[in-house]
Amino acid sequence: GGQASGMVKRFSSTYLNDGNTYNIHTGIFTVPIDGTYIYTFSIIRILVNQVVAKLVVDNIEMIDATADALNDGRKRLLRK
């Protein structure tokens, strides 16, 4: 089924999670040390009109990506 707007998408498994910094129960990635990080994500629309994914850091929206009938969403953010 679908997911309501504004909800955190929790992934129940990960392909790579060095240091267990992504929590599969909360959907939150905790930065282990101060530094510069690159976040990359892609979204694909399947069987819905539009999908929007947002990267939120400390409750502040940093970047979003939208996938619709014409486009897939891909974004990259360099964050220090």
N, C-alpha and C. Protein backbone atom coordinates (compact mmCIF):
# COMPACT_ATOMS: atom_id res chain seq x y z
N GLY A 1 0.81 -1.20 0.00
CA GLY A 1 0.00 0.00 0.00
C GLY A 1 0.84 1.24 0.00
N GLY A 2 0.15 2.36 -0.11
CA GLY A 2 0.82 3.65 -0.15
C GLY A 2 1.26 4.11 1.21
N GLN A 3 1.90 5.24 1.22
CA GLN A 3 2.39 5.80 2.47
C GLN A 3 1.95 7.25 2.51
N ALA A 4 1.49 7.72 3.65
CA ALA A 4 0.98 9.07 3.79
C ALA A 4 2.09 10.10 3.62
N SER A 5 1.70 11.28 3.19
CA SER A 5 2.63 12.39 3.01
C SER A 5 3.31 12.73 4.33
N GLY A 6 4.60 13.00 4.27
CA GLY A 6 5.34 13.40 5.45
C GLY A 6 5.82 12.28 6.35
N MET A 7 5.58 11.06 5.95
CA MET A 7 5.99 9.91 6.76
C MET A 7 7.44 9.54 6.45
N VAL A 8 8.15 9.03 7.45
CA VAL A 8 9.51 8.54 7.25
C VAL A 8 9.44 7.17 6.60
N LYS A 9 10.18 6.99 5.51
CA LYS A 9 10.26 5.69 4.85
C LYS A 9 11.36 4.90 5.53
N ARG A 10 11.00 3.79 6.12
CA ARG A 10 11.97 2.92 6.78
C ARG A 10 12.28 1.74 5.88
N PHE A 11 13.54 1.52 5.61
CA PHE A 11 13.96 0.38 4.82
C PHE A 11 14.29 -0.75 5.78
N SER A 12 13.67 -1.91 5.59
CA SER A 12 13.81 -3.02 6.54
C SER A 12 15.14 -3.75 6.41
N SER A 13 15.87 -3.47 5.35
CA SER A 13 17.20 -4.07 5.19
C SER A 13 18.09 -3.09 4.45
N THR A 14 19.38 -3.31 4.53
CA THR A 14 20.33 -2.45 3.83
C THR A 14 21.31 -3.31 3.05
N TYR A 15 21.84 -2.75 1.99
CA TYR A 15 22.85 -3.43 1.20
C TYR A 15 24.22 -3.21 1.84
N LEU A 16 24.46 -1.98 2.29
CA LEU A 16 25.73 -1.63 2.92
C LEU A 16 25.42 -0.68 4.08
N ASN A 17 25.84 -1.01 5.27
CA ASN A 17 25.57 -0.20 6.46
C ASN A 17 26.76 -0.29 7.41
N ASP A 18 27.92 0.16 6.92
CA ASP A 18 29.14 0.13 7.73
C ASP A 18 28.93 0.90 9.03
N GLY A 19 29.26 0.29 10.13
CA GLY A 19 29.12 0.94 11.43
C GLY A 19 27.71 0.97 11.97
N ASN A 20 26.77 0.35 11.24
CA ASN A 20 25.36 0.35 11.66
C ASN A 20 24.84 1.74 11.96
N THR A 21 25.18 2.71 11.12
CA THR A 21 24.76 4.09 11.32
C THR A 21 23.34 4.35 10.85
N TYR A 22 22.79 3.46 10.00
CA TYR A 22 21.39 3.57 9.61
C TYR A 22 20.58 2.62 10.49
N ASN A 23 19.56 3.16 11.14
CA ASN A 23 18.72 2.37 12.03
C ASN A 23 17.47 1.92 11.26
N ILE A 24 17.34 0.61 11.01
CA ILE A 24 16.21 0.11 10.22
C ILE A 24 14.88 0.25 10.96
N HIS A 25 14.91 0.46 12.27
CA HIS A 25 13.68 0.60 13.05
C HIS A 25 13.13 2.02 13.03
N THR A 26 14.03 3.02 12.95
CA THR A 26 13.59 4.42 12.96
C THR A 26 13.66 5.07 11.59
N GLY A 27 14.48 4.51 10.68
CA GLY A 27 14.69 5.13 9.37
C GLY A 27 15.66 6.30 9.43
N ILE A 28 16.42 6.38 10.51
CA ILE A 28 17.33 7.51 10.72
C ILE A 28 18.78 7.07 10.58
N PHE A 29 19.57 7.87 9.83
CA PHE A 29 21.01 7.69 9.70
C PHE A 29 21.67 8.67 10.66
N THR A 30 22.50 8.18 11.56
CA THR A 30 23.20 9.02 12.52
C THR A 30 24.65 9.15 12.10
N VAL A 31 25.09 10.39 11.92
CA VAL A 31 26.47 10.66 11.52
C VAL A 31 27.39 10.30 12.67
N PRO A 32 28.34 9.38 12.46
CA PRO A 32 29.19 8.94 13.56
C PRO A 32 30.24 9.96 13.99
N ILE A 33 30.73 10.75 13.04
CA ILE A 33 31.75 11.77 13.35
C ILE A 33 31.49 12.99 12.47
N ASP A 34 31.94 14.15 12.94
CA ASP A 34 31.83 15.36 12.13
C ASP A 34 32.67 15.20 10.88
N GLY A 35 32.20 15.78 9.80
CA GLY A 35 32.94 15.71 8.55
C GLY A 35 32.05 16.05 7.38
N THR A 36 32.53 15.75 6.20
CA THR A 36 31.79 15.99 4.97
C THR A 36 31.23 14.67 4.47
N TYR A 37 29.96 14.68 4.12
CA TYR A 37 29.27 13.48 3.65
C TYR A 37 28.61 13.76 2.31
N ILE A 38 28.57 12.76 1.46
CA ILE A 38 27.82 12.84 0.21
C ILE A 38 26.63 11.90 0.33
N TYR A 39 25.45 12.43 0.10
CA TYR A 39 24.22 11.64 0.12
C TYR A 39 23.69 11.57 -1.31
N THR A 40 23.42 10.39 -1.77
CA THR A 40 22.87 10.18 -3.10
C THR A 40 21.64 9.30 -2.97
N PHE A 41 20.56 9.69 -3.65
CA PHE A 41 19.39 8.82 -3.65
C PHE A 41 18.65 8.94 -4.97
N SER A 42 17.96 7.89 -5.31
CA SER A 42 17.14 7.83 -6.52
C SER A 42 15.77 7.31 -6.15
N ILE A 43 14.75 7.82 -6.84
CA ILE A 43 13.40 7.30 -6.64
C ILE A 43 12.79 7.01 -8.00
N ILE A 44 11.94 6.03 -8.04
CA ILE A 44 11.27 5.63 -9.27
C ILE A 44 9.78 5.52 -8.98
N ARG A 45 8.99 6.07 -9.85
CA ARG A 45 7.53 6.03 -9.72
C ARG A 45 7.02 4.73 -10.33
N ILE A 46 6.30 3.94 -9.55
CA ILE A 46 5.69 2.70 -10.04
C ILE A 46 4.26 2.64 -9.51
N LEU A 47 3.31 2.63 -10.41
CA LEU A 47 1.89 2.46 -10.08
C LEU A 47 1.30 3.58 -9.22
N VAL A 48 1.93 4.74 -9.20
CA VAL A 48 1.37 5.92 -8.55
C VAL A 48 1.63 7.12 -9.46
N ASN A 49 0.90 8.21 -9.25
CA ASN A 49 1.07 9.39 -10.10
C ASN A 49 2.38 10.11 -9.85
N GLN A 50 2.77 10.21 -8.59
CA GLN A 50 3.97 10.98 -8.25
C GLN A 50 4.54 10.49 -6.92
N VAL A 51 5.86 10.49 -6.82
CA VAL A 51 6.55 10.15 -5.58
C VAL A 51 7.53 11.28 -5.29
N VAL A 52 7.55 11.74 -4.05
CA VAL A 52 8.50 12.77 -3.63
C VAL A 52 9.30 12.22 -2.46
N ALA A 53 10.62 12.31 -2.55
CA ALA A 53 11.50 11.91 -1.46
C ALA A 53 12.26 13.14 -0.99
N LYS A 54 12.39 13.28 0.32
CA LYS A 54 13.08 14.43 0.89
C LYS A 54 14.16 13.96 1.85
N LEU A 55 15.32 14.61 1.78
CA LEU A 55 16.38 14.35 2.74
C LEU A 55 16.28 15.43 3.81
N VAL A 56 16.09 15.00 5.06
CA VAL A 56 15.91 15.92 6.17
C VAL A 56 17.06 15.73 7.16
N VAL A 57 17.68 16.84 7.54
CA VAL A 57 18.78 16.83 8.51
C VAL A 57 18.37 17.70 9.69
N ASP A 58 18.33 17.11 10.86
CA ASP A 58 17.93 17.84 12.07
C ASP A 58 16.62 18.60 11.86
N ASN A 59 15.63 17.93 11.26
CA ASN A 59 14.30 18.48 10.99
C ASN A 59 14.29 19.62 9.99
N ILE A 60 15.36 19.79 9.21
CA ILE A 60 15.42 20.80 8.16
C ILE A 60 15.53 20.10 6.82
N GLU A 61 14.59 20.41 5.90
CA GLU A 61 14.63 19.81 4.57
C GLU A 61 15.82 20.35 3.79
N MET A 62 16.71 19.46 3.37
CA MET A 62 17.93 19.86 2.67
C MET A 62 17.75 19.80 1.15
N ILE A 63 17.07 18.76 0.66
CA ILE A 63 16.93 18.55 -0.77
C ILE A 63 15.78 17.57 -0.99
N ASP A 64 15.15 17.66 -2.16
CA ASP A 64 14.12 16.68 -2.47
C ASP A 64 14.25 16.23 -3.92
N ALA A 65 13.62 15.13 -4.23
CA ALA A 65 13.59 14.60 -5.60
C ALA A 65 12.17 14.13 -5.87
N THR A 66 11.70 14.37 -7.10
CA THR A 66 10.35 14.00 -7.49
C THR A 66 10.39 13.08 -8.70
N ALA A 67 9.64 12.00 -8.64
CA ALA A 67 9.47 11.12 -9.79
C ALA A 67 8.01 11.17 -10.19
N ASP A 68 7.76 11.38 -11.50
CA ASP A 68 6.39 11.41 -11.99
C ASP A 68 6.33 10.65 -13.31
N ALA A 69 5.27 10.86 -14.06
CA ALA A 69 5.07 10.10 -15.30
C ALA A 69 6.18 10.34 -16.32
N LEU A 70 6.86 11.47 -16.24
CA LEU A 70 7.88 11.82 -17.23
C LEU A 70 9.31 11.66 -16.74
N ASN A 71 9.53 11.67 -15.44
CA ASN A 71 10.89 11.71 -14.91
C ASN A 71 11.08 10.81 -13.70
N ASP A 72 12.27 10.23 -13.58
CA ASP A 72 12.70 9.60 -12.35
C ASP A 72 13.43 10.66 -11.54
N GLY A 73 13.49 10.52 -10.22
CA GLY A 73 14.15 11.51 -9.38
C GLY A 73 15.51 11.02 -8.94
N ARG A 74 16.53 11.85 -9.19
CA ARG A 74 17.89 11.54 -8.73
C ARG A 74 18.51 12.83 -8.22
N LYS A 75 19.09 12.78 -7.05
CA LYS A 75 19.72 13.97 -6.48
C LYS A 75 20.97 13.57 -5.71
N ARG A 76 21.86 14.54 -5.55
CA ARG A 76 23.07 14.34 -4.76
C ARG A 76 23.30 15.61 -3.95
N LEU A 77 23.70 15.44 -2.70
CA LEU A 77 23.94 16.56 -1.81
C LEU A 77 25.27 16.35 -1.10
N LEU A 78 26.11 17.36 -1.13
CA LEU A 78 27.36 17.35 -0.37
C LEU A 78 27.10 18.19 0.87
N ARG A 79 27.26 17.59 2.03
CA ARG A 79 26.90 18.26 3.28
C ARG A 79 28.06 18.19 4.26
N LYS A 80 28.42 19.34 4.81
CA LYS A 80 29.50 19.39 5.81
C LYS A 80 28.92 19.77 7.14
